[in-house]
Amino acid sequence: MSFCSGIFAQKNIVLPKVYAFSRQVLGGMKPTIIPDETGKSIERIATPAVQYFIYVMDKPGSPFDLNNIWIKGKLFDASVTKEKAPIIITNNSMPGKNTDTLIAGTKNNVWRIQVKEVKKPVAITGSLQLFLSQNEVVIEYKGRPKTKVLTVREIKKLSDIALQ
């Protein structure tokens, strides 16, 4: 019975829908020796970077016009590109599973939101503040006829990637 309900759940996806993934990017940089405020040398270890994979799926022919995206409460500058599904990423740097299918093949539009640097905060309304406090990803976009919000409560973690 649960197998059938899984199939029906896939067919009855409410659109638009957001898919959010992240992975740690490890290594690739040697620790740096820097002086502290007393002049003593200390070793600063490179902080792992986080790589985000965020997609919006919508009906075929539907446009997607991003206003803002917040990840874990931080507002990011971002660009949007249309992608062809399936979305599969490869990680050859770690042992074990080398590919992850982020989005299966579909005839729906798939838009990738490529986040860049953190932007200066904007004025946040009460309802938007509630979304930000309850979700790791909040997307504000131009809907018809008004601005709409999409959310992801928790970003799915992928296996780390190690740089050489």
Protein backbone atom coordinates (compact mmCIF):
# COMPACT_ATOMS: atom_id res chain seq x y z
CA MET A 1 0.00 0.00 0.00
CA SER A 2 2.78 2.47 0.83
CA PHE A 3 4.38 1.70 -2.56
CA CYS A 4 1.21 2.81 -4.36
CA SER A 5 0.80 5.93 -2.25
CA GLY A 6 4.40 6.85 -3.13
CA ILE A 7 3.57 6.61 -6.82
CA PHE A 8 0.44 8.76 -6.45
CA ALA A 9 2.36 11.32 -4.40
CA GLN A 10 4.86 11.70 -7.25
CA LYS A 11 2.11 12.28 -9.83
CA ASN A 12 0.24 14.81 -7.69
CA ILE A 13 3.09 17.21 -6.93
CA VAL A 14 1.80 20.71 -6.22
CA LEU A 15 3.64 23.15 -8.48
CA PRO A 16 5.69 25.21 -8.16
CA LYS A 17 7.87 23.08 -5.85
CA VAL A 18 11.34 23.80 -4.45
CA TYR A 19 14.15 21.26 -4.12
CA ALA A 20 17.12 22.30 -1.95
CA PHE A 21 20.40 20.42 -1.43
CA SER A 22 23.78 21.32 0.00
CA ARG A 23 27.21 19.77 0.39
CA GLN A 24 30.43 20.73 2.13
CA VAL A 25 33.45 21.46 -0.07
CA LEU A 26 36.47 20.25 1.88
CA GLY A 27 40.20 20.87 1.55
CA GLY A 28 42.02 22.31 -1.39
CA MET A 29 43.68 25.01 0.68
CA LYS A 30 46.67 24.79 3.00
CA PRO A 31 46.31 26.28 6.47
CA THR A 32 47.71 29.85 6.65
CA ILE A 33 50.05 31.20 9.30
CA ILE A 34 49.01 34.67 10.46
CA PRO A 35 50.01 36.84 13.43
CA ASP A 36 47.44 37.42 16.16
CA GLU A 37 47.06 40.74 18.01
CA THR A 38 50.07 39.95 20.27
CA GLY A 39 52.32 39.15 17.30
CA LYS A 40 52.32 35.40 18.01
CA SER A 41 51.93 33.24 14.87
CA ILE A 42 48.75 31.18 14.69
CA GLU A 43 47.56 28.70 12.10
CA ARG A 44 44.25 29.51 10.42
CA ILE A 45 42.58 26.45 8.96
CA ALA A 46 40.48 27.00 5.85
CA THR A 47 36.75 26.93 6.60
CA PRO A 48 34.85 24.43 4.47
CA ALA A 49 32.62 26.11 1.92
CA VAL A 50 29.00 25.10 1.36
CA GLN A 51 27.72 24.48 -2.14
CA TYR A 52 23.96 24.87 -2.65
CA PHE A 53 21.81 23.24 -5.32
CA ILE A 54 18.39 24.90 -5.37
CA TYR A 55 15.75 24.20 -8.01
CA VAL A 56 12.18 25.28 -8.63
CA MET A 57 9.92 22.99 -10.66
CA ASP A 58 6.84 24.48 -12.33
CA LYS A 59 4.36 23.67 -15.09
CA PRO A 60 5.67 23.62 -18.67
CA GLY A 61 5.72 27.11 -20.18
CA SER A 62 5.54 28.85 -16.80
CA PRO A 63 8.04 31.68 -16.29
CA PHE A 64 9.94 32.07 -13.02
CA ASP A 65 10.99 35.54 -11.91
CA LEU A 66 13.02 35.53 -8.68
CA ASN A 67 12.81 38.52 -6.32
CA ASN A 68 14.84 37.28 -3.33
CA ILE A 69 16.25 34.11 -1.78
CA TRP A 70 17.20 33.57 1.85
CA ILE A 71 19.21 30.57 2.99
CA LYS A 72 19.37 29.98 6.74
CA GLY A 73 18.22 33.56 7.30
CA LYS A 74 20.82 35.20 5.03
CA LEU A 75 19.74 37.06 1.90
CA PHE A 76 21.72 36.02 -1.20
CA ASP A 77 22.27 37.51 -4.62
CA ALA A 78 21.30 34.88 -7.19
CA SER A 79 20.75 34.13 -10.86
CA VAL A 80 18.16 31.82 -12.42
CA THR A 81 18.69 29.48 -15.37
CA LYS A 82 16.38 26.94 -16.98
CA GLU A 83 17.73 23.37 -16.74
CA LYS A 84 16.84 20.11 -18.43
CA ALA A 85 15.84 17.25 -16.14
CA PRO A 86 17.03 14.85 -14.90
CA ILE A 87 19.45 16.78 -12.69
CA ILE A 88 22.30 14.46 -11.71
CA ILE A 89 25.50 15.50 -9.95
CA THR A 90 28.69 13.46 -9.67
CA ASN A 91 31.16 13.30 -6.80
CA ASN A 92 34.30 11.30 -7.59
CA SER A 93 36.27 12.64 -4.62
CA MET A 94 34.77 10.40 -1.93
CA PRO A 95 34.45 6.63 -1.76
CA GLY A 96 31.02 5.08 -2.16
CA LYS A 97 28.06 6.47 -4.07
CA ASN A 98 29.31 8.76 -6.86
CA THR A 99 26.09 10.22 -8.28
CA ASP A 100 22.99 11.82 -6.82
CA THR A 101 19.80 12.37 -8.78
CA LEU A 102 18.49 15.67 -7.49
CA ILE A 103 15.48 15.84 -9.83
CA ALA A 104 14.17 12.94 -11.90
CA GLY A 105 13.24 13.32 -15.55
CA THR A 106 10.14 15.47 -16.05
CA LYS A 107 8.35 17.52 -18.70
CA ASN A 108 7.88 20.35 -16.19
CA ASN A 109 10.08 23.45 -16.21
CA VAL A 110 13.09 23.18 -13.90
CA TRP A 111 14.80 26.42 -12.85
CA ARG A 112 18.15 26.43 -11.05
CA ILE A 113 18.75 29.22 -8.56
CA GLN A 114 22.52 29.78 -8.44
CA VAL A 115 23.33 31.65 -5.24
CA LYS A 116 26.24 34.07 -5.16
CA GLU A 117 27.44 36.34 -2.37
CA VAL A 118 25.37 37.47 0.60
CA LYS A 119 23.41 40.69 -0.05
CA LYS A 120 22.55 43.50 2.31
CA PRO A 121 19.31 42.76 4.16
CA VAL A 122 16.02 44.22 2.93
CA ALA A 123 12.96 45.25 4.93
CA ILE A 124 11.14 42.14 6.11
CA THR A 125 7.39 42.03 6.75
CA GLY A 126 5.85 40.11 9.63
CA SER A 127 4.68 37.15 7.52
CA LEU A 128 8.05 36.91 5.77
CA GLN A 129 9.80 36.93 9.17
CA LEU A 130 7.66 33.95 10.17
CA PHE A 131 8.69 32.07 7.00
CA LEU A 132 12.37 32.86 7.70
CA SER A 133 12.13 31.62 11.29
CA GLN A 134 10.58 28.28 10.27
CA ASN A 135 12.44 27.40 7.04
CA GLU A 136 16.04 27.04 5.86
CA VAL A 137 15.17 28.28 2.35
CA VAL A 138 12.70 31.06 1.57
CA ILE A 139 12.16 32.15 -2.04
CA GLU A 140 10.20 35.28 -2.91
CA TYR A 141 9.13 35.44 -6.57
CA LYS A 142 6.81 37.38 -8.87
CA GLY A 143 3.59 35.47 -9.11
CA ARG A 144 0.42 36.34 -10.92
CA PRO A 145 -1.00 38.76 -9.74
CA LYS A 146 1.18 39.32 -6.62
CA THR A 147 4.50 38.38 -5.01
CA LYS A 148 4.52 34.80 -3.69
CA VAL A 149 6.74 32.74 -1.37
CA LEU A 150 8.10 29.20 -1.65
CA THR A 151 9.83 27.49 1.29
CA VAL A 152 11.93 24.49 2.25
CA ARG A 153 11.93 23.58 5.92
CA GLU A 154 15.22 21.66 5.79
CA ILE A 155 17.94 21.50 3.11
CA LYS A 156 18.84 17.92 2.17
CA LYS A 157 22.53 17.20 2.84
CA LEU A 158 24.55 15.48 0.10
CA SER A 159 27.90 13.73 0.56
CA ASP A 160 30.88 16.07 0.96
CA ILE A 161 33.22 16.82 -1.93
CA ALA A 162 36.97 17.03 -1.43
CA LEU A 163 39.18 19.29 -3.52
CA GLN A 164 42.70 18.20 -4.42
